[in-house]
C-alpha cells in the first residue's frame, strides 16, 4: 500500500517488522480503526479501538459489524477520527485487471472522503490465515499473559492453530514442531520479544460455496441430463437452479460448455456414501504418499497442537450439534444420519432455516473429508479441534489480527513494567500516592497553624 506504514506477514526469510508507535502523534491514540470486509452480499465493517500505550489487554477489545447499505455511517463520531482501510480478499475471485480497476476507483472515492483512508489492497489467502492466527492467539492470551503484576510469556506449546472456512477458499495456519520446508507457506512474526514462524496455506476454490458449485458441476458432467439426481441433498428435496450459477463460477471447470440461459432441475437422493465419493473427486490425494503434503500438491507439515475452527466450520458443526468435542466416529455417524433423513422431516424440524438447510448435509460431509482426509486429523487428534465462533467474547476472523498489526497495537517487545500493571493495581497505587500527599499536606497545614498559635 503506497504511503502507509504497513508490515504484513513476510515469507522467504523476511520477518514482520511490527511497531508500537501511535499512528498520528499529537492526534491521540483512541481513534478507532475500521476494516471493510466483503462477504457474500454485504460488506462487514469492523470497528476496533486503538489501545493506549499499545498494552495488550484483550478484554478492552470491542468490535461491531454491520451490513452497510448503502454506506458506512459514523454514529456520534468525527469522520476524521476514523482510520479506514479496505481489504478485499483473493477468495472473492475477481480477475487481476478487474480487481485493479475496482481498487483504483474505490481509492479515488474514499481518498476524497473526510475519513483517514489508509488505502485499498487485496489481501492474499496466506495473509488471511496468518492474521486469523494472530487474532485467535491474541484473544486467548497465548502470546502474552498477565500474572503477579507483570507480563509473562505463556508456556511453550500453548499456541492455537487457526482453521478458517470462507465461501471461496479455506485456510489453515499453525506453528509446526519442526522447520517449515516450503518458504512460500511460511509467515514470520516478532511479537512481545518472541519470534514466531507459522505455516499458513490457503486452498482456493475449497471454500464452502465454491465446493458446492464444483460438486454440482462434477455430478452434472458425470450424468448430463435435464434432471440431476444429487446424492448430497435429502430425499424428497427438489429445486431448480439457473445454469448461469455454474457457468459464472471461476472454480467450476466442465468439459462440456454450460448454457447459462438454461435451468437445471435437481432432485435429492439422501445417499451420504455416494455424496462422499463425489466430494473426494474434488481432491487429489496422490501427493500424500510423498509425505508432508495435504492434497492437490500443497505442502503441509505434520499437525501440531490445538486448533480453533471458526466461520463456516463453526456454523455447520454448530447446526449439526457437533461442537462438544465428540469423537470423530460419532461426528461421522451423526452427519450420515442427518443426510439420510427425508426432506419433509428435516424441513419440519428446522422451521425458519430454509435458506441454508438443504446444504448442511453436503457441507458437513465436505468439511469432514477436508479435515480428516485432507488435513490429516484422525480419531486421536480430532478432539484437538475446537469449533468456536468467538474467543474471549470477540468474533474470530482475520480483521482484528490485521488491524492489530497495521496500527501497531502489538509491540515487538514485552511492554515496559510500568505499563504492564493491572488496572486495579495501577488505580490503587495512584490512590495511595494521592492520599499520602493529602495526608502530608494536611499534617503540614496543622503544624503551621500550631506554630502560629
Foldseek 3Di string as FASTA:
>chain_A
DPPAPFFFFDFPPDATDFAADFRDPPPDQQQWEWEWEDADPFIWIWTWTGDPSLFLDLLPTDIDIDRDVPHDDDPPDDQQSYEYEYEYECLVPDDDVVVVVVQVVVCVVVVPDSHNYPGYDYDYQQRFQVLLQLQQCSLQCQQWDDDPLFIDHDDPQARAWEWEAGAFKIKTKDQDPDDDPDRVQWTWYQFANDIGIMGMDMGGLLHQNSLVLQLVLLQCQVPPDLEGEAAQFAAPDKDKAQQLVNQVDPSHDHPDHTDRRDIHIYGYDLHLVVLLVSSCVVWALVCPVVPQAQTPRHGHHADGFAYEYEDPVQVLCVVLVNQPLDFLVVLVVSLSVVSHDHPVVQCVVDDPPVPCSRCSSSSSSNVSCCVPRGNNQDRVRSSSYGYDQDRNPHGRTSVVSSVCRSSSSGHSHNDDSVVRGDPVVVVVVVVVVVVVVVVVVVVVVVVVVVVVD
